Amino acid sequence: MGILFKILSLLIAATGAFLVYGARFIAKTMVKNNGGVRQENRDNEIDSTDDENNGNMDGIILQKSVSLKKTGLLIMMAGCLLVLIAFRQ
């Protein structure tokens, strides 16, 4: 049981670290899908230039990456606490 607890605590800490360090990449892939709406369908509805749309997308990517980093830090903190508990002697 102790070994399982150690492995689980390390996995939780590693998952949090992956979210923190990979937040920008994950946010880009999330925004790339555009919430399930295809870009061809949205081109007809939006009458903005590409620069305005690109600036808007950069802001959205930044907001999502900050949100992912906060979530990852919380998960990593919980994992680190579990590691301290699991590996105490």
C-alpha atoms as a PDB file:
ATOM      1  CA  MET A   1       0.000   0.000   0.000  1.00  0.00           C
ATOM      2  CA  GLY A   2       2.882   2.324   0.780  1.00  0.00           C
ATOM      3  CA  ILE A   3       4.470   1.833  -2.641  1.00  0.00           C
ATOM      4  CA  LEU A   4       1.181   2.589  -4.381  1.00  0.00           C
ATOM      5  CA  PHE A   5       0.858   5.804  -2.354  1.00  0.00           C
ATOM      6  CA  LYS A   6       4.404   6.828  -3.317  1.00  0.00           C
ATOM      7  CA  ILE A   7       3.807   6.187  -7.006  1.00  0.00           C
ATOM      8  CA  LEU A   8       0.479   8.024  -6.944  1.00  0.00           C
ATOM      9  CA  SER A   9       2.001  11.049  -5.231  1.00  0.00           C
ATOM     10  CA  LEU A  10       4.814  11.229  -7.792  1.00  0.00           C
ATOM     11  CA  LEU A  11       2.324  10.936 -10.662  1.00  0.00           C
ATOM     12  CA  ILE A  12       0.200  13.765  -9.269  1.00  0.00           C
ATOM     13  CA  ALA A  13       3.252  16.010  -8.869  1.00  0.00           C
ATOM     14  CA  ALA A  14       4.437  15.160 -12.399  1.00  0.00           C
ATOM     15  CA  THR A  15       0.993  15.898 -13.839  1.00  0.00           C
ATOM     16  CA  GLY A  16       0.993  19.316 -12.218  1.00  0.00           C
ATOM     17  CA  ALA A  17       4.485  20.041 -13.523  1.00  0.00           C
ATOM     18  CA  PHE A  18       3.431  19.004 -17.028  1.00  0.00           C
ATOM     19  CA  LEU A  19       0.479  21.396 -16.877  1.00  0.00           C
ATOM     20  CA  VAL A  20       2.669  24.273 -15.701  1.00  0.00           C
ATOM     21  CA  TYR A  21       5.456  23.799 -18.219  1.00  0.00           C
ATOM     22  CA  GLY A  22       3.234  22.793 -21.150  1.00  0.00           C
ATOM     23  CA  ALA A  23       0.503  25.377 -20.595  1.00  0.00           C
ATOM     24  CA  ARG A  24       1.311  27.462 -23.668  1.00  0.00           C
ATOM     25  CA  PHE A  25       1.283  24.422 -25.980  1.00  0.00           C
ATOM     26  CA  ILE A  26      -1.923  23.047 -24.455  1.00  0.00           C
ATOM     27  CA  ALA A  27      -3.627  26.451 -24.690  1.00  0.00           C
ATOM     28  CA  LYS A  28      -2.655  26.772 -28.364  1.00  0.00           C
ATOM     29  CA  THR A  29      -4.133  23.375 -29.168  1.00  0.00           C
ATOM     30  CA  MET A  30      -7.303  24.195 -27.220  1.00  0.00           C
ATOM     31  CA  VAL A  31      -7.780  27.492 -29.057  1.00  0.00           C
ATOM     32  CA  LYS A  32      -6.862  25.931 -32.395  1.00  0.00           C
ATOM     33  CA  ASN A  33     -10.057  23.876 -32.266  1.00  0.00           C
ATOM     34  CA  ASN A  34     -11.907  27.115 -31.529  1.00  0.00           C
ATOM     35  CA  GLY A  35     -14.377  25.380 -29.283  1.00  0.00           C
ATOM     36  CA  GLY A  36     -15.500  22.933 -31.940  1.00  0.00           C
ATOM     37  CA  VAL A  37     -16.425  25.688 -34.410  1.00  0.00           C
ATOM     38  CA  ARG A  38     -14.592  25.463 -37.695  1.00  0.00           C
ATOM     39  CA  GLN A  39     -12.746  28.563 -38.846  1.00  0.00           C
ATOM     40  CA  GLU A  40     -14.319  28.485 -42.336  1.00  0.00           C
ATOM     41  CA  ASN A  41     -17.769  28.976 -40.842  1.00  0.00           C
ATOM     42  CA  ARG A  42     -16.644  31.880 -38.680  1.00  0.00           C
ATOM     43  CA  ASP A  43     -14.964  33.769 -41.556  1.00  0.00           C
ATOM     44  CA  ASN A  44     -18.340  34.778 -42.956  1.00  0.00           C
ATOM     45  CA  GLU A  45     -19.539  36.140 -39.606  1.00  0.00           C
ATOM     46  CA  ILE A  46     -16.451  38.165 -38.685  1.00  0.00           C
ATOM     47  CA  ASP A  47     -15.610  41.301 -40.680  1.00  0.00           C
ATOM     48  CA  SER A  48     -12.319  42.078 -38.939  1.00  0.00           C
ATOM     49  CA  THR A  49      -8.812  42.122 -40.354  1.00  0.00           C
ATOM     50  CA  ASP A  50      -6.344  39.333 -39.709  1.00  0.00           C
ATOM     51  CA  ASP A  51      -4.244  41.525 -37.402  1.00  0.00           C
ATOM     52  CA  GLU A  52      -7.190  42.220 -35.095  1.00  0.00           C
ATOM     53  CA  ASN A  53      -8.175  38.559 -35.099  1.00  0.00           C
ATOM     54  CA  ASN A  54      -4.593  37.456 -34.428  1.00  0.00           C
ATOM     55  CA  GLY A  55      -4.261  39.911 -31.537  1.00  0.00           C
ATOM     56  CA  ASN A  56      -7.516  38.619 -30.100  1.00  0.00           C
ATOM     57  CA  MET A  57      -6.321  35.017 -30.399  1.00  0.00           C
ATOM     58  CA  ASP A  58      -3.042  35.876 -28.629  1.00  0.00           C
ATOM     59  CA  GLY A  59      -5.029  37.316 -25.734  1.00  0.00           C
ATOM     60  CA  ILE A  60      -7.218  34.234 -25.546  1.00  0.00           C
ATOM     61  CA  ILE A  61      -4.168  31.951 -25.626  1.00  0.00           C
ATOM     62  CA  LEU A  62      -2.563  34.000 -22.848  1.00  0.00           C
ATOM     63  CA  GLN A  63      -5.676  33.825 -20.662  1.00  0.00           C
ATOM     64  CA  LYS A  64      -6.022  30.076 -21.148  1.00  0.00           C
ATOM     65  CA  SER A  65      -2.331  29.457 -20.458  1.00  0.00           C
ATOM     66  CA  VAL A  66      -2.490  31.466 -17.215  1.00  0.00           C
ATOM     67  CA  SER A  67      -5.547  29.487 -16.167  1.00  0.00           C
ATOM     68  CA  LEU A  68      -3.783  26.210 -16.955  1.00  0.00           C
ATOM     69  CA  LYS A  69      -0.687  27.326 -15.044  1.00  0.00           C
ATOM     70  CA  LYS A  70      -2.774  28.136 -11.964  1.00  0.00           C
ATOM     71  CA  THR A  71      -4.472  24.755 -12.121  1.00  0.00           C
ATOM     72  CA  GLY A  72      -1.141  23.009 -12.643  1.00  0.00           C
ATOM     73  CA  LEU A  73       0.421  24.790  -9.677  1.00  0.00           C
ATOM     74  CA  LEU A  74      -2.436  23.733  -7.415  1.00  0.00           C
ATOM     75  CA  ILE A  75      -2.135  20.122  -8.566  1.00  0.00           C
ATOM     76  CA  MET A  76       1.646  20.202  -8.200  1.00  0.00           C
ATOM     77  CA  MET A  77       1.360  21.614  -4.662  1.00  0.00           C
ATOM     78  CA  ALA A  78      -0.979  18.812  -3.686  1.00  0.00           C
ATOM     79  CA  GLY A  79       1.379  16.271  -5.247  1.00  0.00           C
ATOM     80  CA  CYS A  80       4.386  17.714  -3.421  1.00  0.00           C
ATOM     81  CA  LEU A  81       2.541  17.522  -0.109  1.00  0.00           C
ATOM     82  CA  LEU A  82       1.659  13.913  -0.843  1.00  0.00           C
ATOM     83  CA  VAL A  83       5.311  13.213  -1.711  1.00  0.00           C
ATOM     84  CA  LEU A  84       6.412  14.672   1.628  1.00  0.00           C
ATOM     85  CA  ILE A  85       3.881  12.510   3.447  1.00  0.00           C
ATOM     86  CA  ALA A  86       4.632   9.353   1.451  1.00  0.00           C
ATOM     87  CA  PHE A  87       8.407   9.532   1.743  1.00  0.00           C
ATOM     88  CA  ARG A  88       8.732  10.585   5.371  1.00  0.00           C
ATOM     89  CA  GLN A  89      10.736   8.271   7.552  1.00  0.00           C
END
